Amino acid sequence: MRILITNLFVSNKSGSETVVQLLADGLRAAGHQTMLLAPTIGEMADQLRRRGHHVVDRIAEIVDKPDVIHAQHLSPALTAMARFPDVPAVYSCHSAFFEVEVPMPHPQIREWIAVDEACAERSLSRGVPANRLSLIYNAVDLKRYQQRMPLPAEPRRGLLLTKNVEHLAAVRDVCERAGIALDELGPGTARFSNELENELPAYDVVFATARMAIEAAAVGCAVVVCDARGTAGMLSTENMERWRSYNLGVGILTRPTTPETLIEALKNYDADDAGKVCTYFRVHAGTENFVTEHLRVYERAMQAPPISPEAGALATAEWIEELVVSSAQRRWMALVRELHGWPYPRDQEEMLRLMRESGDEADLRISTVDRHFTALSDAVTQISTQISSQSDLISSQANQLSLQSNQISTLAGHIASARKIYQGLLPAFIRKRFHLRGR
């Protein structure tokens, strides 16, 4: 069988990346061909390639058509399904809270997988049919995570594995009171390791959740299931089956992580019981059953009747509407916030404002320009009218001046005529006499 697995990352060893590695290695060991598509690849991709896996970050590099698509994370899943629209897909949900993980209906997805009860509940709430949803719990690579020596009667060394920091003070406080030497490891601390299997055997009690807690239990450590979200308590034979069904995750973190709840959990430390918990996880959480269960789901997906091209194309277009960046407040916003730490809502609203400049704000600006142009046109018309009025007034005054000038010219002509008559009627000597008298 040729299987194309999608994931957002194949670079470090996060939870979903560890699943990809376990699944790909297990499938290849069972004689199947694996291809991995991830937008972000790194050192882990190189390691997988050296083990014979085909790992790429561009869909065009997938040349061989797969028999089935194992889809994890919405955006790379969409890429794979759009490239191979007639290949049945199986979608795997690893988180009940991150939108990039939570499934969306698509007819090309013939089967669904949830890693715990919380993911199953979330998948059902998003329209996944119950008769096509399988629960496949997380597994542990037992070759990597070797069983440690039996625990001491009282815990002496503790390890905090965490992605966050809000509960650090409480764990430190409790370990100091109990005389437990505490080390801290993970993204929420100053120390990080990609080889947790080499760290765990040195510790008696581990504070962790989810996959890290399962791995610690499989090694044989006592496990206090807790993180910044809350506390479940000490993992034991009484609760291990039910807690495993929730992936030792958020679904069982019902109490706050405080010194009081952690002290209560440490009181339940039992070296013998932790050994029995270790045996349970090593029997039930190995990769062999994990791979077999996935292959069973793949077979069901491949045996399902084909979908109509029209239905598949419509569903793909609807995914694009939700996941591609646009001015609409859709699911892509949650993905950007989750993957790139985009705060909500200020930055999103600012982004939307910028995006809408080519739409609403551009229309507003054009409308404003139109109003200004209309006002300017009205002003020009008014000025033209005033100029026209002034022109008419000046023309009228010019006509009056011309008339007065004509009248003056006529009067001057009359005076000249009168002078000629006067000179003709009176002799020159008489006029001279009157002129001398006038002196």
Foldseek 3Di string as FASTA:
>chain_A
DEEEEEDQEQAACDDVNVVVVLQQVLCVVVPYAYEYEHLYYHDSQVVVVVVPHHYDPDPVVPDDDGQEYEYAFQPVVLVNCVVPVFHAYEYEAEDLPALRRADADFVSHQAYEYQAPSNVVSNVVRPDDPVRYYHFHAFDACVLQDAADFADAAWAEEEEEALADQLVVLVVVLCVVRNHHYDYEYNHDPHYDRRVSVVLNVGAEYEEAAPVQLSNLLRLHWYFLDYQLAGQATDFPVCPVVCSNVRRDDVRRPHGNHNVRHNVRSVPDGRVRSNVSNVVNVVPRHSPVSNVVVVVSSVSSSPDDTDDPVSNVVVSVVSCVQQPDALDPHNVVSVCCVPPVQDPDVSVVVVSVVRCCVPPVVVVVVVVVVVVVVVVVVVVVVVVVVVVVVVVVVVVVVVVVVVVVVVVVVVVVVVVVVVVVVPVVDDPVVVVVVVVVVD
